[in-house]
């Protein structure tokens, strides 16, 4: 396998391999990363153009919290068989609100 070079501003990664006594959680990561043949080179974030460009990509979910209409029809018949205590509110309102805008009305 070819040796890879990792350009990163994550200096803790370099520190991880030089530390002698580590906790079990960090040791698991060290053992996992030792399976790969790579060299870590510190690069300031502003100089790491590829990572800088990737961090500035447009987010297609940027407007995820905008109000959306809730579709009260579900294609799965099994979902329609579930009963709800309050007949004035559809039983799946919490689920729909959570998926539509990551909130639940209590």
PDB file of N, CA and C in Angstrom:
ATOM      1  N   UNK A   1       0.841  -1.166   0.000  1.00  0.00           N
ATOM      2  CA  UNK A   1       0.000   0.000   0.000  1.00  0.00           C
ATOM      3  C   UNK A   1       0.895   1.242   0.000  1.00  0.00           C
ATOM      4  N   UNK A   2       0.489   2.264  -0.728  1.00  0.00           N
ATOM      5  CA  UNK A   2       1.250   3.505  -0.797  1.00  0.00           C
ATOM      6  C   UNK A   2       1.065   4.325   0.467  1.00  0.00           C
ATOM      7  N   UNK A   3       2.110   5.045   0.810  1.00  0.00           N
ATOM      8  CA  UNK A   3       2.024   5.922   1.974  1.00  0.00           C
ATOM      9  C   UNK A   3       1.261   7.182   1.590  1.00  0.00           C
ATOM     10  N   UNK A   4       0.288   7.545   2.405  1.00  0.00           N
ATOM     11  CA  UNK A   4      -0.517   8.738   2.156  1.00  0.00           C
ATOM     12  C   UNK A   4      -0.028   9.872   3.044  1.00  0.00           C
ATOM     13  N   UNK A   5      -0.253  11.081   2.580  1.00  0.00           N
ATOM     14  CA  UNK A   5       0.088  12.263   3.359  1.00  0.00           C
ATOM     15  C   UNK A   5      -1.210  12.980   3.696  1.00  0.00           C
ATOM     16  N   UNK A   6      -1.404  13.249   4.977  1.00  0.00           N
ATOM     17  CA  UNK A   6      -2.607  13.940   5.444  1.00  0.00           C
ATOM     18  C   UNK A   6      -2.201  15.349   5.860  1.00  0.00           C
ATOM     19  N   UNK A   7      -2.697  16.346   5.124  1.00  0.00           N
ATOM     20  CA  UNK A   7      -2.472  17.746   5.466  1.00  0.00           C
ATOM     21  C   UNK A   7      -3.659  18.192   6.306  1.00  0.00           C
ATOM     22  N   UNK A   8      -3.396  18.565   7.550  1.00  0.00           N
ATOM     23  CA  UNK A   8      -4.499  18.919   8.441  1.00  0.00           C
ATOM     24  C   UNK A   8      -4.068  19.969   9.454  1.00  0.00           C
ATOM     25  N   UNK A   9      -5.033  20.727   9.941  1.00  0.00           N
ATOM     26  CA  UNK A   9      -4.757  21.662  11.035  1.00  0.00           C
ATOM     27  C   UNK A   9      -5.132  21.024  12.373  1.00  0.00           C
ATOM     28  N   UNK A  10      -5.371  19.733  12.350  1.00  0.00           N
ATOM     29  CA  UNK A  10      -5.756  18.981  13.544  1.00  0.00           C
ATOM     30  C   UNK A  10      -4.484  18.484  14.227  1.00  0.00           C
ATOM     31  N   UNK A  11      -3.806  19.389  14.949  1.00  0.00           N
ATOM     32  CA  UNK A  11      -2.518  19.051  15.553  1.00  0.00           C
ATOM     33  C   UNK A  11      -2.648  17.975  16.623  1.00  0.00           C
ATOM     34  N   UNK A  12      -3.826  17.797  17.178  1.00  0.00           N
ATOM     35  CA  UNK A  12      -4.028  16.755  18.186  1.00  0.00           C
ATOM     36  C   UNK A  12      -3.797  15.372  17.599  1.00  0.00           C
ATOM     37  N   UNK A  13      -4.003  15.227  16.305  1.00  0.00           N
ATOM     38  CA  UNK A  13      -3.776  13.939  15.653  1.00  0.00           C
ATOM     39  C   UNK A  13      -2.292  13.569  15.712  1.00  0.00           C
ATOM     40  N   UNK A  14      -1.426  14.549  15.483  1.00  0.00           N
ATOM     41  CA  UNK A  14       0.017  14.313  15.562  1.00  0.00           C
ATOM     42  C   UNK A  14       0.416  14.014  17.014  1.00  0.00           C
ATOM     43  N   UNK A  15      -0.171  14.743  17.940  1.00  0.00           N
ATOM     44  CA  UNK A  15       0.095  14.552  19.364  1.00  0.00           C
ATOM     45  C   UNK A  15      -0.320  13.152  19.811  1.00  0.00           C
ATOM     46  N   UNK A  16      -1.386  12.638  19.238  1.00  0.00           N
ATOM     47  CA  UNK A  16      -1.921  11.337  19.609  1.00  0.00           C
ATOM     48  C   UNK A  16      -0.891  10.227  19.406  1.00  0.00           C
ATOM     49  N   UNK A  17      -0.115  10.326  18.325  1.00  0.00           N
ATOM     50  CA  UNK A  17       0.858   9.276  18.023  1.00  0.00           C
ATOM     51  C   UNK A  17       2.141   9.401  18.841  1.00  0.00           C
ATOM     52  N   UNK A  18       2.413  10.569  19.427  1.00  0.00           N
ATOM     53  CA  UNK A  18       3.635  10.744  20.213  1.00  0.00           C
ATOM     54  C   UNK A  18       3.410  10.502  21.700  1.00  0.00           C
ATOM     55  N   UNK A  19       2.180  10.489  22.133  1.00  0.00           N
ATOM     56  CA  UNK A  19       1.870  10.312  23.553  1.00  0.00           C
ATOM     57  C   UNK A  19       2.153   8.867  23.973  1.00  0.00           C
ATOM     58  N   UNK A  20       2.793   8.709  25.127  1.00  0.00           N
ATOM     59  CA  UNK A  20       3.185   7.374  25.597  1.00  0.00           C
ATOM     60  C   UNK A  20       2.070   6.675  26.372  1.00  0.00           C
ATOM     61  N   UNK A  21       1.540   7.318  27.399  1.00  0.00           N
ATOM     62  CA  UNK A  21       0.501   6.709  28.231  1.00  0.00           C
ATOM     63  C   UNK A  21      -0.845   7.311  27.851  1.00  0.00           C
ATOM     64  N   UNK A  22      -1.703   6.480  27.283  1.00  0.00           N
ATOM     65  CA  UNK A  22      -3.013   6.979  26.864  1.00  0.00           C
ATOM     66  C   UNK A  22      -4.116   6.127  27.477  1.00  0.00           C
ATOM     67  N   UNK A  23      -5.270   6.706  27.571  1.00  0.00           N
ATOM     68  CA  UNK A  23      -6.445   5.987  28.069  1.00  0.00           C
ATOM     69  C   UNK A  23      -6.910   4.987  27.006  1.00  0.00           C
ATOM     70  N   UNK A  24      -7.744   4.050  27.423  1.00  0.00           N
ATOM     71  CA  UNK A  24      -8.202   2.983  26.523  1.00  0.00           C
ATOM     72  C   UNK A  24      -8.954   3.529  25.320  1.00  0.00           C
ATOM     73  N   UNK A  25      -9.741   4.579  25.527  1.00  0.00           N
ATOM     74  CA  UNK A  25     -10.522   5.141  24.425  1.00  0.00           C
ATOM     75  C   UNK A  25      -9.600   5.685  23.326  1.00  0.00           C
ATOM     76  N   UNK A  26      -8.543   6.402  23.720  1.00  0.00           N
ATOM     77  CA  UNK A  26      -7.596   6.920  22.734  1.00  0.00           C
ATOM     78  C   UNK A  26      -6.760   5.798  22.136  1.00  0.00           C
ATOM     79  N   UNK A  27      -6.451   4.797  22.940  1.00  0.00           N
ATOM     80  CA  UNK A  27      -5.668   3.672  22.444  1.00  0.00           C
ATOM     81  C   UNK A  27      -6.398   2.940  21.324  1.00  0.00           C
ATOM     82  N   UNK A  28      -7.711   2.828  21.433  1.00  0.00           N
ATOM     83  CA  UNK A  28      -8.488   2.196  20.352  1.00  0.00           C
ATOM     84  C   UNK A  28      -8.329   2.965  19.048  1.00  0.00           C
ATOM     85  N   UNK A  29      -8.352   4.305  19.120  1.00  0.00           N
ATOM     86  CA  UNK A  29      -8.178   5.114  17.906  1.00  0.00           C
ATOM     87  C   UNK A  29      -6.770   4.950  17.340  1.00  0.00           C
ATOM     88  N   UNK A  30      -5.780   4.912  18.225  1.00  0.00           N
ATOM     89  CA  UNK A  30      -4.400   4.737  17.764  1.00  0.00           C
ATOM     90  C   UNK A  30      -4.259   3.404  17.041  1.00  0.00           C
ATOM     91  N   UNK A  31      -4.796   2.345  17.620  1.00  0.00           N
ATOM     92  CA  UNK A  31      -4.706   1.025  16.990  1.00  0.00           C
ATOM     93  C   UNK A  31      -5.429   0.997  15.650  1.00  0.00           C
ATOM     94  N   UNK A  32      -6.569   1.653  15.567  1.00  0.00           N
ATOM     95  CA  UNK A  32      -7.303   1.708  14.305  1.00  0.00           C
ATOM     96  C   UNK A  32      -6.507   2.467  13.244  1.00  0.00           C
ATOM     97  N   UNK A  33      -5.956   3.613  13.622  1.00  0.00           N
ATOM     98  CA  UNK A  33      -5.222   4.434  12.657  1.00  0.00           C
ATOM     99  C   UNK A  33      -3.897   3.806  12.240  1.00  0.00           C
ATOM    100  N   UNK A  34      -3.331   2.931  13.079  1.00  0.00           N
ATOM    101  CA  UNK A  34      -2.075   2.276  12.729  1.00  0.00           C
ATOM    102  C   UNK A  34      -2.237   1.276  11.591  1.00  0.00           C
ATOM    103  N   UNK A  35      -3.464   0.930  11.256  1.00  0.00           N
ATOM    104  CA  UNK A  35      -3.691   0.032  10.126  1.00  0.00           C
ATOM    105  C   UNK A  35      -3.394   0.717   8.798  1.00  0.00           C
ATOM    106  N   UNK A  36      -3.329   2.041   8.812  1.00  0.00           N
ATOM    107  CA  UNK A  36      -3.102   2.803   7.594  1.00  0.00           C
ATOM    108  C   UNK A  36      -1.691   3.375   7.588  1.00  0.00           C
ATOM    109  N   UNK A  37      -1.121   3.466   6.403  1.00  0.00           N
ATOM    110  CA  UNK A  37       0.224   4.003   6.245  1.00  0.00           C
ATOM    111  C   UNK A  37       0.098   5.458   5.803  1.00  0.00           C
ATOM    112  N   UNK A  38       0.214   6.389   6.762  1.00  0.00           N
ATOM    113  CA  UNK A  38       0.080   7.799   6.418  1.00  0.00           C
ATOM    114  C   UNK A  38       0.985   8.651   7.291  1.00  0.00           C
ATOM    115  N   UNK A  39       1.249   9.837   6.791  1.00  0.00           N
ATOM    116  CA  UNK A  39       2.069  10.810   7.494  1.00  0.00           C
ATOM    117  C   UNK A  39       1.215  12.056   7.691  1.00  0.00           C
ATOM    118  N   UNK A  40       1.245  12.622   8.892  1.00  0.00           N
ATOM    119  CA  UNK A  40       0.458  13.812   9.203  1.00  0.00           C
ATOM    120  C   UNK A  40       1.353  15.039   9.090  1.00  0.00           C
ATOM    121  N   UNK A  41       0.929  15.999   8.273  1.00  0.00           N
ATOM    122  CA  UNK A  41       1.653  17.261   8.129  1.00  0.00           C
ATOM    123  C   UNK A  41       0.721  18.384   8.568  1.00  0.00           C
ATOM    124  N   UNK A  42       1.201  19.168   9.558  1.00  0.00           N
ATOM    125  CA  UNK A  42       0.399  20.292  10.051  1.00  0.00           C
ATOM    126  C   UNK A  42       0.326  21.384   8.997  1.00  0.00           C
ATOM    127  N   UNK A  43      -0.878  21.849   8.744  1.00  0.00           N
ATOM    128  CA  UNK A  43      -1.107  22.946   7.815  1.00  0.00           C
ATOM    129  C   UNK A  43      -2.128  23.872   8.453  1.00  0.00           C
ATOM    130  N   UNK A  44      -1.830  25.160   8.475  1.00  0.00           N
ATOM    131  CA  UNK A  44      -2.795  26.108   9.020  1.00  0.00           C
ATOM    132  C   UNK A  44      -4.078  26.040   8.211  1.00  0.00           C
ATOM    133  N   UNK A  45      -5.201  26.267   8.862  1.00  0.00           N
ATOM    134  CA  UNK A  45      -6.496  26.180   8.198  1.00  0.00           C
ATOM    135  C   UNK A  45      -6.610  27.074   6.984  1.00  0.00           C
ATOM    136  N   UNK A  46      -6.063  28.298   7.063  1.00  0.00           N
ATOM    137  CA  UNK A  46      -6.147  29.229   5.938  1.00  0.00           C
ATOM    138  C   UNK A  46      -5.293  28.765   4.760  1.00  0.00           C
ATOM    139  N   UNK A  47      -4.256  27.992   5.046  1.00  0.00           N
ATOM    140  CA  UNK A  47      -3.374  27.503   3.979  1.00  0.00           C
ATOM    141  C   UNK A  47      -3.857  26.182   3.393  1.00  0.00           C
ATOM    142  N   UNK A  48      -4.765  25.530   4.056  1.00  0.00           N
ATOM    143  CA  UNK A  48      -5.278  24.242   3.593  1.00  0.00           C
ATOM    144  C   UNK A  48      -6.479  24.514   2.686  1.00  0.00           C
ATOM    145  N   UNK A  49      -6.198  24.818   1.421  1.00  0.00           N
ATOM    146  CA  UNK A  49      -7.231  25.295   0.502  1.00  0.00           C
ATOM    147  C   UNK A  49      -8.333  24.267   0.247  1.00  0.00           C
ATOM    148  N   UNK A  50      -7.978  22.989   0.164  1.00  0.00           N
ATOM    149  CA  UNK A  50      -9.001  21.973  -0.111  1.00  0.00           C
ATOM    150  C   UNK A  50     -10.007  21.909   1.034  1.00  0.00           C
ATOM    151  N   UNK A  51      -9.522  21.862   2.258  1.00  0.00           N
ATOM    152  CA  UNK A  51     -10.424  21.807   3.414  1.00  0.00           C
ATOM    153  C   UNK A  51     -11.196  23.108   3.559  1.00  0.00           C
ATOM    154  N   UNK A  52     -10.530  24.225   3.278  1.00  0.00           N
ATOM    155  CA  UNK A  52     -11.194  25.518   3.370  1.00  0.00           C
ATOM    156  C   UNK A  52     -12.337  25.599   2.367  1.00  0.00           C
ATOM    157  N   UNK A  53     -12.093  25.109   1.166  1.00  0.00           N
ATOM    158  CA  UNK A  53     -13.128  25.120   0.133  1.00  0.00           C
ATOM    159  C   UNK A  53     -14.290  24.198   0.527  1.00  0.00           C
ATOM    160  N   UNK A  54     -13.971  23.012   1.042  1.00  0.00           N
ATOM    161  CA  UNK A  54     -15.022  22.069   1.429  1.00  0.00           C
ATOM    162  C   UNK A  54     -15.865  22.609   2.582  1.00  0.00           C
ATOM    163  N   UNK A  55     -15.247  23.352   3.484  1.00  0.00           N
ATOM    164  CA  UNK A  55     -16.004  23.876   4.618  1.00  0.00           C
ATOM    165  C   UNK A  55     -16.934  25.018   4.207  1.00  0.00           C
ATOM    166  N   UNK A  56     -16.740  25.561   3.025  1.00  0.00           N
ATOM    167  CA  UNK A  56     -17.577  26.662   2.558  1.00  0.00           C
ATOM    168  C   UNK A  56     -18.596  26.228   1.510  1.00  0.00           C
ATOM    169  N   UNK A  57     -18.780  24.929   1.325  1.00  0.00           N
ATOM    170  CA  UNK A  57     -19.772  24.459   0.367  1.00  0.00           C
ATOM    171  C   UNK A  57     -21.163  24.902   0.800  1.00  0.00           C
ATOM    172  N   UNK A  58     -22.020  25.140  -0.174  1.00  0.00           N
ATOM    173  CA  UNK A  58     -23.389  25.520   0.156  1.00  0.00           C
ATOM    174  C   UNK A  58     -24.105  24.346   0.801  1.00  0.00           C
ATOM    175  N   UNK A  59     -24.907  24.654   1.785  1.00  0.00           N
ATOM    176  CA  UNK A  59     -25.658  23.631   2.498  1.00  0.00           C
ATOM    177  C   UNK A  59     -27.065  23.555   1.905  1.00  0.00           C
ATOM    178  N   UNK A  60     -27.416  22.424   1.287  1.00  0.00           N
ATOM    179  CA  UNK A  60     -28.760  22.324   0.709  1.00  0.00           C
ATOM    180  C   UNK A  60     -29.858  22.312   1.774  1.00  0.00           C
ATOM    181  N   UNK A  61     -29.493  22.068   3.027  1.00  0.00           N
ATOM    182  CA  UNK A  61     -30.470  22.023   4.111  1.00  0.00           C
ATOM    183  C   UNK A  61     -30.447  23.307   4.935  1.00  0.00           C
ATOM    184  N   UNK A  62     -29.907  24.375   4.372  1.00  0.00           N
ATOM    185  CA  UNK A  62     -29.751  25.622   5.106  1.00  0.00           C
ATOM    186  C   UNK A  62     -31.088  26.165   5.599  1.00  0.00           C
ATOM    187  N   UNK A  63     -32.116  26.071   4.797  1.00  0.00           N
ATOM    188  CA  UNK A  63     -33.423  26.606   5.171  1.00  0.00           C
ATOM    189  C   UNK A  63     -34.340  25.513   5.715  1.00  0.00           C
ATOM    190  N   UNK A  64     -33.771  24.575   6.447  1.00  0.00           N
ATOM    191  CA  UNK A  64     -34.552  23.440   6.936  1.00  0.00           C
ATOM    192  C   UNK A  64     -35.567  23.879   7.997  1.00  0.00           C
ATOM    193  N   UNK A  65     -35.328  25.016   8.645  1.00  0.00           N
ATOM    194  CA  UNK A  65     -36.231  25.462   9.701  1.00  0.00           C
ATOM    195  C   UNK A  65     -37.332  26.381   9.185  1.00  0.00           C
ATOM    196  N   UNK A  66     -37.393  26.604   7.889  1.00  0.00           N
ATOM    197  CA  UNK A  66     -38.484  27.390   7.318  1.00  0.00           C
ATOM    198  C   UNK A  66     -39.795  26.638   7.508  1.00  0.00           C
ATOM    199  N   UNK A  67     -40.888  27.358   7.733  1.00  0.00           N
ATOM    200  CA  UNK A  67     -42.183  26.679   7.907  1.00  0.00           C
ATOM    201  C   UNK A  67     -42.553  25.861   6.671  1.00  0.00           C
ATOM    202  N   UNK A  68     -43.052  24.665   6.908  1.00  0.00           N
ATOM    203  CA  UNK A  68     -43.451  23.780   5.819  1.00  0.00           C
ATOM    204  C   UNK A  68     -44.841  23.230   6.122  1.00  0.00           C
ATOM    205  N   UNK A  69     -45.564  22.928   5.078  1.00  0.00           N
ATOM    206  CA  UNK A  69     -46.866  22.298   5.267  1.00  0.00           C
ATOM    207  C   UNK A  69     -46.664  20.851   5.690  1.00  0.00           C
ATOM    208  N   UNK A  70     -47.547  20.372   6.549  1.00  0.00           N
ATOM    209  CA  UNK A  70     -47.466  18.992   7.005  1.00  0.00           C
ATOM    210  C   UNK A  70     -48.438  18.161   6.186  1.00  0.00           C
ATOM    211  N   UNK A  71     -47.905  17.163   5.549  1.00  0.00           N
ATOM    212  CA  UNK A  71     -48.718  16.258   4.751  1.00  0.00           C
ATOM    213  C   UNK A  71     -49.296  15.203   5.690  1.00  0.00           C
ATOM    214  N   UNK A  72     -50.607  15.140   5.817  1.00  0.00           N
ATOM    215  CA  UNK A  72     -51.236  14.227   6.759  1.00  0.00           C
ATOM    216  C   UNK A  72     -51.617  12.893   6.133  1.00  0.00           C
ATOM    217  N   UNK A  73     -51.139  12.604   4.958  1.00  0.00           N
ATOM    218  CA  UNK A  73     -51.405  11.302   4.346  1.00  0.00           C
ATOM    219  C   UNK A  73     -50.107  10.515   4.300  1.00  0.00           C
ATOM    220  N   UNK A  74     -50.187   9.279   4.755  1.00  0.00           N
ATOM    221  CA  UNK A  74     -49.030   8.399   4.744  1.00  0.00           C
ATOM    222  C   UNK A  74     -49.329   7.205   3.853  1.00  0.00           C
ATOM    223  N   UNK A  75     -48.376   6.791   3.051  1.00  0.00           N
ATOM    224  CA  UNK A  75     -48.617   5.649   2.179  1.00  0.00           C
ATOM    225  C   UNK A  75     -48.660   4.314   2.916  1.00  0.00           C
ATOM    226  N   UNK A  76     -48.046   4.244   4.077  1.00  0.00           N
ATOM    227  CA  UNK A  76     -48.009   2.974   4.799  1.00  0.00           C
ATOM    228  C   UNK A  76     -49.312   2.766   5.562  1.00  0.00           C
ATOM    229  N   UNK A  77     -50.009   1.702   5.255  1.00  0.00           N
ATOM    230  CA  UNK A  77     -51.286   1.428   5.915  1.00  0.00           C
ATOM    231  C   UNK A  77     -51.111   1.152   7.400  1.00  0.00           C
ATOM    232  N   UNK A  78     -49.981   0.586   7.783  1.00  0.00           N
ATOM    233  CA  UNK A  78     -49.765   0.258   9.189  1.00  0.00           C
ATOM    234  C   UNK A  78     -49.725   1.517  10.051  1.00  0.00           C
ATOM    235  N   UNK A  79     -49.284   2.640   9.502  1.00  0.00           N
ATOM    236  CA  UNK A  79     -49.253   3.872  10.284  1.00  0.00           C
ATOM    237  C   UNK A  79     -50.655   4.379  10.585  1.00  0.00           C
ATOM    238  N   UNK A  80     -51.592   4.119   9.695  1.00  0.00           N
ATOM    239  CA  UNK A  80     -52.960   4.581   9.904  1.00  0.00           C
ATOM    240  C   UNK A  80     -53.709   3.752  10.939  1.00  0.00           C
ATOM    241  N   UNK A  81     -53.170   2.602  11.335  1.00  0.00           N
ATOM    242  CA  UNK A  81     -53.844   1.730  12.290  1.00  0.00           C
ATOM    243  C   UNK A  81     -53.542   2.097  13.738  1.00  0.00           C
ATOM    244  N   UNK A  82     -52.603   2.994  13.972  1.00  0.00           N
ATOM    245  CA  UNK A  82     -52.224   3.375  15.326  1.00  0.00           C
ATOM    246  C   UNK A  82     -53.243   4.370  15.864  1.00  0.00           C
ATOM    247  N   UNK A  83     -53.698   4.148  17.095  1.00  0.00           N
ATOM    248  CA  UNK A  83     -54.698   5.029  17.713  1.00  0.00           C
ATOM    249  C   UNK A  83     -54.004   6.126  18.508  1.00  0.00           C
ATOM    250  N   UNK A  84     -54.702   7.219  18.703  1.00  0.00           N
ATOM    251  CA  UNK A  84     -54.177   8.351  19.455  1.00  0.00           C
ATOM    252  C   UNK A  84     -55.224   8.771  20.477  1.00  0.00           C
ATOM    253  N   UNK A  85     -54.791   9.177  21.677  1.00  0.00           N
ATOM    254  CA  UNK A  85     -55.720   9.533  22.740  1.00  0.00           C
ATOM    255  C   UNK A  85     -56.544  10.772  22.410  1.00  0.00           C
ATOM    256  N   UNK A  86     -55.926  11.770  21.835  1.00  0.00           N
ATOM    257  CA  UNK A  86     -56.612  13.032  21.552  1.00  0.00           C
ATOM    258  C   UNK A  86     -57.074  13.040  20.097  1.00  0.00           C
ATOM    259  N   UNK A  87     -58.380  12.907  19.851  1.00  0.00           N
ATOM    260  CA  UNK A  87     -58.860  12.829  18.469  1.00  0.00           C
ATOM    261  C   UNK A  87     -58.740  14.146  17.708  1.00  0.00           C
ATOM    262  N   UNK A  88     -58.529  15.274  18.411  1.00  0.00           N
ATOM    263  CA  UNK A  88     -58.437  16.552  17.715  1.00  0.00           C
ATOM    264  C   UNK A  88     -57.086  16.738  17.024  1.00  0.00           C
ATOM    265  N   UNK A  89     -56.083  15.991  17.451  1.00  0.00           N
ATOM    266  CA  UNK A  89     -54.748  16.090  16.863  1.00  0.00           C
ATOM    267  C   UNK A  89     -54.398  14.760  16.215  1.00  0.00           C
ATOM    268  N   UNK A  90     -53.934  14.783  14.985  1.00  0.00           N
ATOM    269  CA  UNK A  90     -53.496  13.526  14.380  1.00  0.00           C
ATOM    270  C   UNK A  90     -52.386  12.898  15.225  1.00  0.00           C
ATOM    271  N   UNK A  91     -52.398  11.596  15.346  1.00  0.00           N
ATOM    272  CA  UNK A  91     -51.437  10.892  16.192  1.00  0.00           C
ATOM    273  C   UNK A  91     -50.005  11.102  15.734  1.00  0.00           C
ATOM    274  N   UNK A  92     -49.833  11.415  14.476  1.00  0.00           N
ATOM    275  CA  UNK A  92     -48.476  11.532  13.954  1.00  0.00           C
ATOM    276  C   UNK A  92     -47.986  12.980  13.917  1.00  0.00           C
ATOM    277  N   UNK A  93     -48.680  13.895  14.605  1.00  0.00           N
ATOM    278  CA  UNK A  93     -48.298  15.312  14.572  1.00  0.00           C
ATOM    279  C   UNK A  93     -46.881  15.518  15.103  1.00  0.00           C
ATOM    280  N   UNK A  94     -46.546  14.856  16.223  1.00  0.00           N
ATOM    281  CA  UNK A  94     -45.196  15.005  16.770  1.00  0.00           C
ATOM    282  C   UNK A  94     -44.152  14.518  15.781  1.00  0.00           C
ATOM    283  N   UNK A  95     -44.410  13.378  15.168  1.00  0.00           N
ATOM    284  CA  UNK A  95     -43.476  12.821  14.193  1.00  0.00           C
ATOM    285  C   UNK A  95     -43.330  13.752  12.994  1.00  0.00           C
ATOM    286  N   UNK A  96     -44.443  14.245  12.489  1.00  0.00           N
ATOM    287  CA  UNK A  96     -44.406  15.121  11.320  1.00  0.00           C
ATOM    288  C   UNK A  96     -43.720  16.443  11.646  1.00  0.00           C
ATOM    289  N   UNK A  97     -44.024  17.011  12.814  1.00  0.00           N
ATOM    290  CA  UNK A  97     -43.377  18.267  13.203  1.00  0.00           C
ATOM    291  C   UNK A  97     -41.881  18.087  13.375  1.00  0.00           C
ATOM    292  N   UNK A  98     -41.489  16.955  13.947  1.00  0.00           N
ATOM    293  CA  UNK A  98     -40.067  16.708  14.141  1.00  0.00           C
ATOM    294  C   UNK A  98     -39.350  16.606  12.797  1.00  0.00           C
ATOM    295  N   UNK A  99     -39.919  15.866  11.869  1.00  0.00           N
ATOM    296  CA  UNK A  99     -39.276  15.701  10.567  1.00  0.00           C
ATOM    297  C   UNK A  99     -39.358  16.968   9.717  1.00  0.00           C
ATOM    298  N   UNK A 100     -40.384  17.761   9.901  1.00  0.00           N
ATOM    299  CA  UNK A 100     -40.529  18.978   9.101  1.00  0.00           C
ATOM    300  C   UNK A 100     -39.621  20.095   9.599  1.00  0.00           C
ATOM    301  N   UNK A 101     -39.413  20.159  10.894  1.00  0.00           N
ATOM    302  CA  UNK A 101     -38.634  21.285  11.396  1.00  0.00           C
ATOM    303  C   UNK A 101     -37.830  21.011  12.636  1.00  0.00           C
ATOM    304  N   UNK A 102     -37.639  19.750  13.003  1.00  0.00           N
ATOM    305  CA  UNK A 102     -36.856  19.355  14.175  1.00  0.00           C
ATOM    306  C   UNK A 102     -37.401  19.961  15.471  1.00  0.00           C
ATOM    307  N   UNK A 103     -38.722  19.975  15.632  1.00  0.00           N
ATOM    308  CA  UNK A 103     -39.307  20.441  16.876  1.00  0.00           C
ATOM    309  C   UNK A 103     -40.537  19.602  17.190  1.00  0.00           C
ATOM    310  N   UNK A 104     -40.893  19.569  18.460  1.00  0.00           N
ATOM    311  CA  UNK A 104     -42.092  18.864  18.911  1.00  0.00           C
ATOM    312  C   UNK A 104     -42.889  19.842  19.760  1.00  0.00           C
ATOM    313  N   UNK A 105     -44.174  19.992  19.463  1.00  0.00           N
ATOM    314  CA  UNK A 105     -45.040  20.890  20.223  1.00  0.00           C
ATOM    315  C   UNK A 105     -45.600  20.125  21.405  1.00  0.00           C
ATOM    316  N   UNK A 106     -45.391  20.653  22.596  1.00  0.00           N
ATOM    317  CA  UNK A 106     -45.895  20.002  23.813  1.00  0.00           C
ATOM    318  C   UNK A 106     -46.978  20.836  24.420  1.00  0.00           C
TER     319      UNK A 106
END
